[in-house]
Amino acid sequence: MAEFSDFLKLDIRAGTIVSAEVFKKAKKPAYKLMIDFGGLGLKKSSAQITERYSCDELLGKQVLAVVNFPPRQIADFMSEVLVLGVYSEGGTVLAVPESPVKNGDKLG
């Protein structure tokens, strides 16, 4: 079992997707995302969310992401944050704030 202290180590923040493009070199269908986290700056993420979302639908969408995992090399792309979602029939559904929040606001 995980301890509550383990959860507290995660830094989960809200950000707004400012660009999305098909990640052609990924082994599984994915997008390259650029996400604005306010004071934390722009961060890159590879996200396997192509079954439910188009690139156009993602622009301007606020998402939640873990921002304090080490960067991860995926093909020729360095993914800096882990965008959160729920696995469901028809593809992953993004975890999003219910109402607009400031980029960089922390889940708490």
PDB file of N, CA and C in Angstrom:
ATOM      1  N   MET A   1       0.840  -1.187   0.000  1.00  0.00           N
ATOM      2  CA  MET A   1       0.000   0.000   0.000  1.00  0.00           C
ATOM      3  C   MET A   1       0.886   1.252   0.000  1.00  0.00           C
ATOM      4  N   ALA A   2       0.439   2.237  -0.734  1.00  0.00           N
ATOM      5  CA  ALA A   2       1.128   3.524  -0.732  1.00  0.00           C
ATOM      6  C   ALA A   2       0.759   4.283   0.539  1.00  0.00           C
ATOM      7  N   GLU A   3       1.681   5.055   1.005  1.00  0.00           N
ATOM      8  CA  GLU A   3       1.440   5.909   2.172  1.00  0.00           C
ATOM      9  C   GLU A   3       0.986   7.287   1.687  1.00  0.00           C
ATOM     10  N   PHE A   4       0.258   8.015   2.528  1.00  0.00           N
ATOM     11  CA  PHE A   4      -0.170   9.362   2.176  1.00  0.00           C
ATOM     12  C   PHE A   4       1.037  10.243   1.871  1.00  0.00           C
ATOM     13  N   SER A   5       2.119   9.995   2.570  1.00  0.00           N
ATOM     14  CA  SER A   5       3.334  10.778   2.326  1.00  0.00           C
ATOM     15  C   SER A   5       3.840  10.575   0.888  1.00  0.00           C
ATOM     16  N   ASP A   6       3.590   9.401   0.294  1.00  0.00           N
ATOM     17  CA  ASP A   6       3.968   9.163  -1.101  1.00  0.00           C
ATOM     18  C   ASP A   6       3.179  10.080  -2.032  1.00  0.00           C
ATOM     19  N   PHE A   7       1.883  10.224  -1.780  1.00  0.00           N
ATOM     20  CA  PHE A   7       1.046  11.104  -2.587  1.00  0.00           C
ATOM     21  C   PHE A   7       1.530  12.553  -2.493  1.00  0.00           C
ATOM     22  N   LEU A   8       1.941  12.954  -1.295  1.00  0.00           N
ATOM     23  CA  LEU A   8       2.381  14.336  -1.097  1.00  0.00           C
ATOM     24  C   LEU A   8       3.642  14.678  -1.886  1.00  0.00           C
ATOM     25  N   LYS A   9       4.380  13.668  -2.314  1.00  0.00           N
ATOM     26  CA  LYS A   9       5.591  13.896  -3.106  1.00  0.00           C
ATOM     27  C   LYS A   9       5.264  14.333  -4.532  1.00  0.00           C
ATOM     28  N   LEU A  10       4.054  14.033  -5.004  1.00  0.00           N
ATOM     29  CA  LEU A  10       3.658  14.384  -6.363  1.00  0.00           C
ATOM     30  C   LEU A  10       3.298  15.857  -6.443  1.00  0.00           C
ATOM     31  N   ASP A  11       3.789  16.520  -7.473  1.00  0.00           N
ATOM     32  CA  ASP A  11       3.446  17.909  -7.733  1.00  0.00           C
ATOM     33  C   ASP A  11       2.535  17.909  -8.963  1.00  0.00           C
ATOM     34  N   ILE A  12       1.230  18.012  -8.724  1.00  0.00           N
ATOM     35  CA  ILE A  12       0.236  17.957  -9.789  1.00  0.00           C
ATOM     36  C   ILE A  12      -0.290  19.373 -10.011  1.00  0.00           C
ATOM     37  N   ARG A  13      -0.148  19.856 -11.239  1.00  0.00           N
ATOM     38  CA  ARG A  13      -0.496  21.234 -11.573  1.00  0.00           C
ATOM     39  C   ARG A  13      -1.442  21.282 -12.763  1.00  0.00           C
ATOM     40  N   ALA A  14      -2.157  22.398 -12.862  1.00  0.00           N
ATOM     41  CA  ALA A  14      -3.011  22.673 -14.013  1.00  0.00           C
ATOM     42  C   ALA A  14      -2.216  23.447 -15.050  1.00  0.00           C
ATOM     43  N   GLY A  15      -2.458  23.129 -16.303  1.00  0.00           N
ATOM     44  CA  GLY A  15      -1.834  23.851 -17.399  1.00  0.00           C
ATOM     45  C   GLY A  15      -2.747  23.866 -18.606  1.00  0.00           C
ATOM     46  N   THR A  16      -2.455  24.748 -19.531  1.00  0.00           N
ATOM     47  CA  THR A  16      -3.249  24.880 -20.745  1.00  0.00           C
ATOM     48  C   THR A  16      -2.432  24.425 -21.951  1.00  0.00           C
ATOM     49  N   ILE A  17      -3.023  23.559 -22.750  1.00  0.00           N
ATOM     50  CA  ILE A  17      -2.349  23.064 -23.954  1.00  0.00           C
ATOM     51  C   ILE A  17      -2.310  24.200 -24.982  1.00  0.00           C
ATOM     52  N   VAL A  18      -1.090  24.566 -25.409  1.00  0.00           N
ATOM     53  CA  VAL A  18      -0.923  25.647 -26.371  1.00  0.00           C
ATOM     54  C   VAL A  18      -0.554  25.141 -27.764  1.00  0.00           C
ATOM     55  N   SER A  19      -0.091  23.880 -27.853  1.00  0.00           N
ATOM     56  CA  SER A  19       0.126  23.274 -29.171  1.00  0.00           C
ATOM     57  C   SER A  19       0.021  21.758 -29.040  1.00  0.00           C
ATOM     58  N   ALA A  20      -0.420  21.147 -30.124  1.00  0.00           N
ATOM     59  CA  ALA A  20      -0.557  19.688 -30.191  1.00  0.00           C
ATOM     60  C   ALA A  20      -0.280  19.255 -31.624  1.00  0.00           C
ATOM     61  N   GLU A  21       0.538  18.227 -31.755  1.00  0.00           N
ATOM     62  CA  GLU A  21       0.825  17.691 -33.082  1.00  0.00           C
ATOM     63  C   GLU A  21       0.984  16.183 -32.990  1.00  0.00           C
ATOM     64  N   VAL A  22       0.726  15.507 -34.092  1.00  0.00           N
ATOM     65  CA  VAL A  22       0.870  14.058 -34.145  1.00  0.00           C
ATOM     66  C   VAL A  22       2.342  13.706 -33.937  1.00  0.00           C
ATOM     67  N   PHE A  23       2.579  12.725 -33.064  1.00  0.00           N
ATOM     68  CA  PHE A  23       3.937  12.246 -32.762  1.00  0.00           C
ATOM     69  C   PHE A  23       4.211  11.052 -33.671  1.00  0.00           C
ATOM     70  N   LYS A  24       4.747  11.339 -34.841  1.00  0.00           N
ATOM     71  CA  LYS A  24       4.914  10.324 -35.882  1.00  0.00           C
ATOM     72  C   LYS A  24       5.900   9.220 -35.503  1.00  0.00           C
ATOM     73  N   LYS A  25       6.890   9.521 -34.667  1.00  0.00           N
ATOM     74  CA  LYS A  25       7.911   8.526 -34.323  1.00  0.00           C
ATOM     75  C   LYS A  25       7.555   7.682 -33.102  1.00  0.00           C
ATOM     76  N   ALA A  26       6.437   7.944 -32.455  1.00  0.00           N
ATOM     77  CA  ALA A  26       6.031   7.160 -31.284  1.00  0.00           C
ATOM     78  C   ALA A  26       5.630   5.756 -31.728  1.00  0.00           C
ATOM     79  N   LYS A  27       5.937   4.762 -30.887  1.00  0.00           N
ATOM     80  CA  LYS A  27       5.568   3.376 -31.200  1.00  0.00           C
ATOM     81  C   LYS A  27       4.059   3.191 -31.181  1.00  0.00           C
ATOM     82  N   LYS A  28       3.384   3.833 -30.219  1.00  0.00           N
ATOM     83  CA  LYS A  28       1.925   3.794 -30.127  1.00  0.00           C
ATOM     84  C   LYS A  28       1.413   5.181 -30.496  1.00  0.00           C
ATOM     85  N   PRO A  29       0.222   5.276 -31.106  1.00  0.00           N
ATOM     86  CA  PRO A  29      -0.292   6.592 -31.501  1.00  0.00           C
ATOM     87  C   PRO A  29      -0.294   7.578 -30.325  1.00  0.00           C
ATOM     88  N   ALA A  30       0.264   8.761 -30.565  1.00  0.00           N
ATOM     89  CA  ALA A  30       0.389   9.765 -29.502  1.00  0.00           C
ATOM     90  C   ALA A  30       0.480  11.152 -30.118  1.00  0.00           C
ATOM     91  N   TYR A  31       0.349  12.149 -29.237  1.00  0.00           N
ATOM     92  CA  TYR A  31       0.547  13.540 -29.614  1.00  0.00           C
ATOM     93  C   TYR A  31       1.736  14.097 -28.847  1.00  0.00           C
ATOM     94  N   LYS A  32       2.397  15.082 -29.456  1.00  0.00           N
ATOM     95  CA  LYS A  32       3.364  15.925 -28.756  1.00  0.00           C
ATOM     96  C   LYS A  32       2.594  17.154 -28.300  1.00  0.00           C
ATOM     97  N   LEU A  33       2.584  17.399 -27.011  1.00  0.00           N
ATOM     98  CA  LEU A  33       1.874  18.545 -26.456  1.00  0.00           C
ATOM     99  C   LEU A  33       2.858  19.550 -25.882  1.00  0.00           C
ATOM    100  N   MET A  34       2.531  20.827 -26.005  1.00  0.00           N
ATOM    101  CA  MET A  34       3.232  21.904 -25.314  1.00  0.00           C
ATOM    102  C   MET A  34       2.190  22.511 -24.383  1.00  0.00           C
ATOM    103  N   ILE A  35       2.526  22.552 -23.082  1.00  0.00           N
ATOM    104  CA  ILE A  35       1.555  22.960 -22.065  1.00  0.00           C
ATOM    105  C   ILE A  35       2.118  24.135 -21.276  1.00  0.00           C
ATOM    106  N   ASP A  36       1.294  25.163 -21.100  1.00  0.00           N
ATOM    107  CA  ASP A  36       1.671  26.360 -20.348  1.00  0.00           C
ATOM    108  C   ASP A  36       1.292  26.167 -18.882  1.00  0.00           C
ATOM    109  N   PHE A  37       2.308  26.136 -18.005  1.00  0.00           N
ATOM    110  CA  PHE A  37       2.093  25.987 -16.564  1.00  0.00           C
ATOM    111  C   PHE A  37       2.375  27.295 -15.818  1.00  0.00           C
ATOM    112  N   GLY A  38       2.092  28.423 -16.444  1.00  0.00           N
ATOM    113  CA  GLY A  38       2.260  29.712 -15.779  1.00  0.00           C
ATOM    114  C   GLY A  38       3.702  29.935 -15.363  1.00  0.00           C
ATOM    115  N   GLY A  39       3.914  30.172 -14.071  1.00  0.00           N
ATOM    116  CA  GLY A  39       5.241  30.446 -13.533  1.00  0.00           C
ATOM    117  C   GLY A  39       6.246  29.324 -13.723  1.00  0.00           C
ATOM    118  N   LEU A  40       5.767  28.108 -13.950  1.00  0.00           N
ATOM    119  CA  LEU A  40       6.667  26.972 -14.202  1.00  0.00           C
ATOM    120  C   LEU A  40       7.129  26.933 -15.654  1.00  0.00           C
ATOM    121  N   GLY A  41       6.499  27.734 -16.501  1.00  0.00           N
ATOM    122  CA  GLY A  41       6.883  27.804 -17.910  1.00  0.00           C
ATOM    123  C   GLY A  41       6.157  26.807 -18.784  1.00  0.00           C
ATOM    124  N   LEU A  42       6.656  26.692 -20.015  1.00  0.00           N
ATOM    125  CA  LEU A  42       6.118  25.745 -20.988  1.00  0.00           C
ATOM    126  C   LEU A  42       6.807  24.400 -20.806  1.00  0.00           C
ATOM    127  N   LYS A  43       6.017  23.337 -20.804  1.00  0.00           N
ATOM    128  CA  LYS A  43       6.554  21.982 -20.648  1.00  0.00           C
ATOM    129  C   LYS A  43       6.012  21.102 -21.766  1.00  0.00           C
ATOM    130  N   LYS A  44       6.822  20.113 -22.173  1.00  0.00           N
ATOM    131  CA  LYS A  44       6.445  19.188 -23.241  1.00  0.00           C
ATOM    132  C   LYS A  44       5.947  17.876 -22.641  1.00  0.00           C
ATOM    133  N   SER A  45       5.014  17.246 -23.361  1.00  0.00           N
ATOM    134  CA  SER A  45       4.525  15.941 -22.941  1.00  0.00           C
ATOM    135  C   SER A  45       4.135  15.123 -24.161  1.00  0.00           C
ATOM    136  N   SER A  46       4.403  13.827 -24.101  1.00  0.00           N
ATOM    137  CA  SER A  46       3.889  12.883 -25.078  1.00  0.00           C
ATOM    138  C   SER A  46       2.670  12.239 -24.441  1.00  0.00           C
ATOM    139  N   ALA A  47       1.544  12.237 -25.168  1.00  0.00           N
ATOM    140  CA  ALA A  47       0.299  11.718 -24.589  1.00  0.00           C
ATOM    141  C   ALA A  47      -0.407  10.802 -25.583  1.00  0.00           C
ATOM    142  N   GLN A  48      -0.733   9.595 -25.117  1.00  0.00           N
ATOM    143  CA  GLN A  48      -1.448   8.625 -25.941  1.00  0.00           C
ATOM    144  C   GLN A  48      -2.960   8.834 -25.768  1.00  0.00           C
ATOM    145  N   ILE A  49      -3.457   9.894 -26.391  1.00  0.00           N
ATOM    146  CA  ILE A  49      -4.858  10.284 -26.242  1.00  0.00           C
ATOM    147  C   ILE A  49      -5.519  10.478 -27.605  1.00  0.00           C
ATOM    148  N   THR A  50      -4.964   9.820 -28.633  1.00  0.00           N
ATOM    149  CA  THR A  50      -5.426  10.044 -29.998  1.00  0.00           C
ATOM    150  C   THR A  50      -6.798   9.442 -30.279  1.00  0.00           C
ATOM    151  N   GLU A  51      -7.231   8.464 -29.483  1.00  0.00           N
ATOM    152  CA  GLU A  51      -8.528   7.826 -29.754  1.00  0.00           C
ATOM    153  C   GLU A  51      -9.700   8.746 -29.446  1.00  0.00           C
ATOM    154  N   ARG A  52      -9.551   9.640 -28.484  1.00  0.00           N
ATOM    155  CA  ARG A  52     -10.662  10.500 -28.056  1.00  0.00           C
ATOM    156  C   ARG A  52     -10.531  11.958 -28.480  1.00  0.00           C
ATOM    157  N   TYR A  53      -9.308  12.396 -28.791  1.00  0.00           N
ATOM    158  CA  TYR A  53      -9.081  13.819 -29.023  1.00  0.00           C
ATOM    159  C   TYR A  53      -8.344  14.048 -30.336  1.00  0.00           C
ATOM    160  N   SER A  54      -8.710  15.131 -31.017  1.00  0.00           N
ATOM    161  CA  SER A  54      -7.947  15.591 -32.177  1.00  0.00           C
ATOM    162  C   SER A  54      -7.023  16.713 -31.698  1.00  0.00           C
ATOM    163  N   CYS A  55      -6.038  17.041 -32.494  1.00  0.00           N
ATOM    164  CA  CYS A  55      -5.134  18.137 -32.133  1.00  0.00           C
ATOM    165  C   CYS A  55      -5.915  19.431 -31.935  1.00  0.00           C
ATOM    166  N   ASP A  56      -6.860  19.705 -32.824  1.00  0.00           N
ATOM    167  CA  ASP A  56      -7.644  20.938 -32.724  1.00  0.00           C
ATOM    168  C   ASP A  56      -8.457  20.995 -31.434  1.00  0.00           C
ATOM    169  N   GLU A  57      -9.019  19.865 -31.010  1.00  0.00           N
ATOM    170  CA  GLU A  57      -9.809  19.826 -29.766  1.00  0.00           C
ATOM    171  C   GLU A  57      -8.959  20.115 -28.535  1.00  0.00           C
ATOM    172  N   LEU A  58      -7.681  19.790 -28.608  1.00  0.00           N
ATOM    173  CA  LEU A  58      -6.797  19.928 -27.449  1.00  0.00           C
ATOM    174  C   LEU A  58      -6.341  21.363 -27.218  1.00  0.00           C
ATOM    175  N   LEU A  59      -6.283  22.168 -28.260  1.00  0.00           N
ATOM    176  CA  LEU A  59      -5.800  23.541 -28.116  1.00  0.00           C
ATOM    177  C   LEU A  59      -6.686  24.330 -27.161  1.00  0.00           C
ATOM    178  N   GLY A  60      -6.059  24.920 -26.143  1.00  0.00           N
ATOM    179  CA  GLY A  60      -6.777  25.715 -25.156  1.00  0.00           C
ATOM    180  C   GLY A  60      -7.379  24.914 -24.016  1.00  0.00           C
ATOM    181  N   LYS A  61      -7.280  23.581 -24.068  1.00  0.00           N
ATOM    182  CA  LYS A  61      -7.839  22.733 -23.009  1.00  0.00           C
ATOM    183  C   LYS A  61      -6.921  22.740 -21.796  1.00  0.00           C
ATOM    184  N   GLN A  62      -7.513  22.948 -20.624  1.00  0.00           N
ATOM    185  CA  GLN A  62      -6.736  22.831 -19.383  1.00  0.00           C
ATOM    186  C   GLN A  62      -6.677  21.368 -18.967  1.00  0.00           C
ATOM    187  N   VAL A  63      -5.512  20.950 -18.495  1.00  0.00           N
ATOM    188  CA  VAL A  63      -5.289  19.575 -18.067  1.00  0.00           C
ATOM    189  C   VAL A  63      -4.550  19.572 -16.735  1.00  0.00           C
ATOM    190  N   LEU A  64      -4.548  18.421 -16.086  1.00  0.00           N
ATOM    191  CA  LEU A  64      -3.743  18.210 -14.886  1.00  0.00           C
ATOM    192  C   LEU A  64      -2.567  17.322 -15.255  1.00  0.00           C
ATOM    193  N   ALA A  65      -1.404  17.622 -14.681  1.00  0.00           N
ATOM    194  CA  ALA A  65      -0.206  16.846 -15.003  1.00  0.00           C
ATOM    195  C   ALA A  65       0.727  16.802 -13.807  1.00  0.00           C
ATOM    196  N   VAL A  66       1.454  15.688 -13.697  1.00  0.00           N
ATOM    197  CA  VAL A  66       2.528  15.576 -12.709  1.00  0.00           C
ATOM    198  C   VAL A  66       3.736  16.284 -13.318  1.00  0.00           C
ATOM    199  N   VAL A  67       4.244  17.287 -12.610  1.00  0.00           N
ATOM    200  CA  VAL A  67       5.326  18.101 -13.162  1.00  0.00           C
ATOM    201  C   VAL A  67       6.688  17.813 -12.527  1.00  0.00           C
ATOM    202  N   ASN A  68       6.745  16.889 -11.560  1.00  0.00           N
ATOM    203  CA  ASN A  68       8.031  16.646 -10.901  1.00  0.00           C
ATOM    204  C   ASN A  68       8.563  15.228 -11.077  1.00  0.00           C
ATOM    205  N   PHE A  69       8.136  14.533 -12.146  1.00  0.00           N
ATOM    206  CA  PHE A  69       8.807  13.296 -12.530  1.00  0.00           C
ATOM    207  C   PHE A  69      10.027  13.664 -13.362  1.00  0.00           C
ATOM    208  N   PRO A  70      11.051  12.803 -13.391  1.00  0.00           N
ATOM    209  CA  PRO A  70      12.191  13.084 -14.266  1.00  0.00           C
ATOM    210  C   PRO A  70      11.734  13.064 -15.730  1.00  0.00           C
ATOM    211  N   PRO A  71      12.355  13.881 -16.588  1.00  0.00           N
ATOM    212  CA  PRO A  71      12.030  13.839 -18.021  1.00  0.00           C
ATOM    213  C   PRO A  71      12.255  12.438 -18.569  1.00  0.00           C
ATOM    214  N   ARG A  72      11.464  12.090 -19.595  1.00  0.00           N
ATOM    215  CA  ARG A  72      11.536  10.747 -20.168  1.00  0.00           C
ATOM    216  C   ARG A  72      11.697  10.856 -21.682  1.00  0.00           C
ATOM    217  N   GLN A  73      12.732  10.198 -22.201  1.00  0.00           N
ATOM    218  CA  GLN A  73      12.996  10.198 -23.645  1.00  0.00           C
ATOM    219  C   GLN A  73      12.042   9.219 -24.321  1.00  0.00           C
ATOM    220  N   ILE A  74      11.270   9.718 -25.287  1.00  0.00           N
ATOM    221  CA  ILE A  74      10.371   8.878 -26.080  1.00  0.00           C
ATOM    222  C   ILE A  74      10.709   9.151 -27.535  1.00  0.00           C
ATOM    223  N   ALA A  75      11.314   8.165 -28.188  1.00  0.00           N
ATOM    224  CA  ALA A  75      11.855   8.330 -29.544  1.00  0.00           C
ATOM    225  C   ALA A  75      12.791   9.539 -29.532  1.00  0.00           C
ATOM    226  N   ASP A  76      12.529  10.544 -30.365  1.00  0.00           N
ATOM    227  CA  ASP A  76      13.408  11.716 -30.429  1.00  0.00           C
ATOM    228  C   ASP A  76      12.852  12.904 -29.635  1.00  0.00           C
ATOM    229  N   PHE A  77      11.977  12.632 -28.673  1.00  0.00           N
ATOM    230  CA  PHE A  77      11.254  13.680 -27.946  1.00  0.00           C
ATOM    231  C   PHE A  77      11.451  13.502 -26.449  1.00  0.00           C
ATOM    232  N   MET A  78      11.725  14.607 -25.743  1.00  0.00           N
ATOM    233  CA  MET A  78      11.893  14.563 -24.293  1.00  0.00           C
ATOM    234  C   MET A  78      10.583  15.014 -23.642  1.00  0.00           C
ATOM    235  N   SER A  79       9.870  14.062 -23.022  1.00  0.00           N
ATOM    236  CA  SER A  79       8.611  14.356 -22.350  1.00  0.00           C
ATOM    237  C   SER A  79       8.927  14.793 -20.921  1.00  0.00           C
ATOM    238  N   GLU A  80       8.461  16.002 -20.557  1.00  0.00           N
ATOM    239  CA  GLU A  80       8.832  16.601 -19.275  1.00  0.00           C
ATOM    240  C   GLU A  80       7.776  16.444 -18.188  1.00  0.00           C
ATOM    241  N   VAL A  81       6.522  16.228 -18.572  1.00  0.00           N
ATOM    242  CA  VAL A  81       5.440  16.094 -17.598  1.00  0.00           C
ATOM    243  C   VAL A  81       4.543  14.932 -17.993  1.00  0.00           C
ATOM    244  N   LEU A  82       3.813  14.390 -17.014  1.00  0.00           N
ATOM    245  CA  LEU A  82       2.877  13.294 -17.260  1.00  0.00           C
ATOM    246  C   LEU A  82       1.458  13.841 -17.160  1.00  0.00           C
ATOM    247  N   VAL A  83       0.797  13.936 -18.307  1.00  0.00           N
ATOM    248  CA  VAL A  83      -0.596  14.385 -18.344  1.00  0.00           C
ATOM    249  C   VAL A  83      -1.467  13.255 -17.786  1.00  0.00           C
ATOM    250  N   LEU A  84      -2.414  13.623 -16.925  1.00  0.00           N
ATOM    251  CA  LEU A  84      -3.235  12.629 -16.241  1.00  0.00           C
ATOM    252  C   LEU A  84      -4.551  12.389 -16.970  1.00  0.00           C
ATOM    253  N   GLY A  85      -4.987  11.143 -16.937  1.00  0.00           N
ATOM    254  CA  GLY A  85      -6.250  10.764 -17.549  1.00  0.00           C
ATOM    255  C   GLY A  85      -6.736   9.459 -16.972  1.00  0.00           C
ATOM    256  N   VAL A  86      -7.939   9.095 -17.385  1.00  0.00           N
ATOM    257  CA  VAL A  86      -8.581   7.866 -16.931  1.00  0.00           C
ATOM    258  C   VAL A  86      -8.731   6.942 -18.131  1.00  0.00           C
ATOM    259  N   TYR A  87      -8.235   5.699 -17.996  1.00  0.00           N
ATOM    260  CA  TYR A  87      -8.423   4.723 -19.062  1.00  0.00           C
ATOM    261  C   TYR A  87      -9.888   4.320 -19.091  1.00  0.00           C
ATOM    262  N   SER A  88     -10.490   4.363 -20.285  1.00  0.00           N
ATOM    263  CA  SER A  88     -11.899   4.038 -20.441  1.00  0.00           C
ATOM    264  C   SER A  88     -12.108   3.447 -21.827  1.00  0.00           C
ATOM    265  N   GLU A  89     -13.274   2.832 -22.031  1.00  0.00           N
ATOM    266  CA  GLU A  89     -13.597   2.346 -23.368  1.00  0.00           C
ATOM    267  C   GLU A  89     -13.544   3.512 -24.329  1.00  0.00           C
ATOM    268  N   GLY A  90     -12.958   3.305 -25.479  1.00  0.00           N
ATOM    269  CA  GLY A  90     -12.869   4.372 -26.460  1.00  0.00           C
ATOM    270  C   GLY A  90     -11.662   5.257 -26.289  1.00  0.00           C
ATOM    271  N   GLY A  91     -10.804   4.971 -25.317  1.00  0.00           N
ATOM    272  CA  GLY A  91      -9.582   5.737 -25.145  1.00  0.00           C
ATOM    273  C   GLY A  91      -9.522   6.497 -23.835  1.00  0.00           C
ATOM    274  N   THR A  92      -8.369   7.062 -23.575  1.00  0.00           N
ATOM    275  CA  THR A  92      -8.120   7.791 -22.329  1.00  0.00           C
ATOM    276  C   THR A  92      -8.905   9.099 -22.307  1.00  0.00           C
ATOM    277  N   VAL A  93      -9.536   9.377 -21.156  1.00  0.00           N
ATOM    278  CA  VAL A  93     -10.248  10.628 -20.926  1.00  0.00           C
ATOM    279  C   VAL A  93      -9.361  11.493 -20.029  1.00  0.00           C
ATOM    280  N   LEU A  94      -9.064  12.695 -20.469  1.00  0.00           N
ATOM    281  CA  LEU A  94      -8.189  13.580 -19.712  1.00  0.00           C
ATOM    282  C   LEU A  94      -8.807  14.003 -18.383  1.00  0.00           C
ATOM    283  N   ALA A  95      -7.955  14.112 -17.358  1.00  0.00           N
ATOM    284  CA  ALA A  95      -8.361  14.685 -16.067  1.00  0.00           C
ATOM    285  C   ALA A  95      -8.216  16.194 -16.202  1.00  0.00           C
ATOM    286  N   VAL A  96      -9.335  16.900 -16.056  1.00  0.00           N
ATOM    287  CA  VAL A  96      -9.343  18.348 -16.277  1.00  0.00           C
ATOM    288  C   VAL A  96     -10.001  19.060 -15.102  1.00  0.00           C
ATOM    289  N   PRO A  97      -9.622  20.319 -14.842  1.00  0.00           N
ATOM    290  CA  PRO A  97     -10.327  21.093 -13.811  1.00  0.00           C
ATOM    291  C   PRO A  97     -11.782  21.299 -14.232  1.00  0.00           C
ATOM    292  N   GLU A  98     -12.676  21.288 -13.264  1.00  0.00           N
ATOM    293  CA  GLU A  98     -14.098  21.482 -13.546  1.00  0.00           C
ATOM    294  C   GLU A  98     -14.387  22.899 -14.035  1.00  0.00           C
ATOM    295  N   SER A  99     -13.667  23.866 -13.516  1.00  0.00           N
ATOM    296  CA  SER A  99     -13.792  25.271 -13.903  1.00  0.00           C
ATOM    297  C   SER A  99     -12.413  25.793 -14.250  1.00  0.00           C
ATOM    298  N   PRO A 100     -12.332  26.879 -15.029  1.00  0.00           N
ATOM    299  CA  PRO A 100     -11.011  27.436 -15.366  1.00  0.00           C
ATOM    300  C   PRO A 100     -10.230  27.827 -14.106  1.00  0.00           C
ATOM    301  N   VAL A 101      -8.937  27.539 -14.121  1.00  0.00           N
ATOM    302  CA  VAL A 101      -8.030  27.890 -13.031  1.00  0.00           C
ATOM    303  C   VAL A 101      -6.789  28.532 -13.650  1.00  0.00           C
ATOM    304  N   LYS A 102      -5.942  29.125 -12.814  1.00  0.00           N
ATOM    305  CA  LYS A 102      -4.706  29.720 -13.306  1.00  0.00           C
ATOM    306  C   LYS A 102      -3.723  28.613 -13.690  1.00  0.00           C
ATOM    307  N   ASN A 103      -3.019  28.826 -14.782  1.00  0.00           N
ATOM    308  CA  ASN A 103      -1.967  27.893 -15.151  1.00  0.00           C
ATOM    309  C   ASN A 103      -0.935  27.838 -14.035  1.00  0.00           C
ATOM    310  N   GLY A 104      -0.575  26.630 -13.644  1.00  0.00           N
ATOM    311  CA  GLY A 104       0.383  26.431 -12.574  1.00  0.00           C
ATOM    312  C   GLY A 104      -0.262  26.180 -11.216  1.00  0.00           C
ATOM    313  N   ASP A 105      -1.586  26.382 -11.105  1.00  0.00           N
ATOM    314  CA  ASP A 105      -2.255  26.092  -9.822  1.00  0.00           C
ATOM    315  C   ASP A 105      -2.046  24.627  -9.464  1.00  0.00           C
ATOM    316  N   LYS A 106      -1.825  24.383  -8.170  1.00  0.00           N
ATOM    317  CA  LYS A 106      -1.487  23.051  -7.666  1.00  0.00           C
ATOM    318  C   LYS A 106      -2.718  22.309  -7.188  1.00  0.00           C
ATOM    319  N   LEU A 107      -2.789  21.020  -7.532  1.00  0.00           N
ATOM    320  CA  LEU A 107      -3.842  20.161  -6.985  1.00  0.00           C
ATOM    321  C   LEU A 107      -3.611  20.029  -5.500  1.00  0.00           C
ATOM    322  N   GLY A 108      -4.656  20.229  -4.732  1.00  0.00           N
ATOM    323  CA  GLY A 108      -4.455  20.168  -3.291  1.00  0.00           C
ATOM    324  C   GLY A 108      -5.667  19.691  -2.542  1.00  0.00           C
TER     325      GLY A 108
END
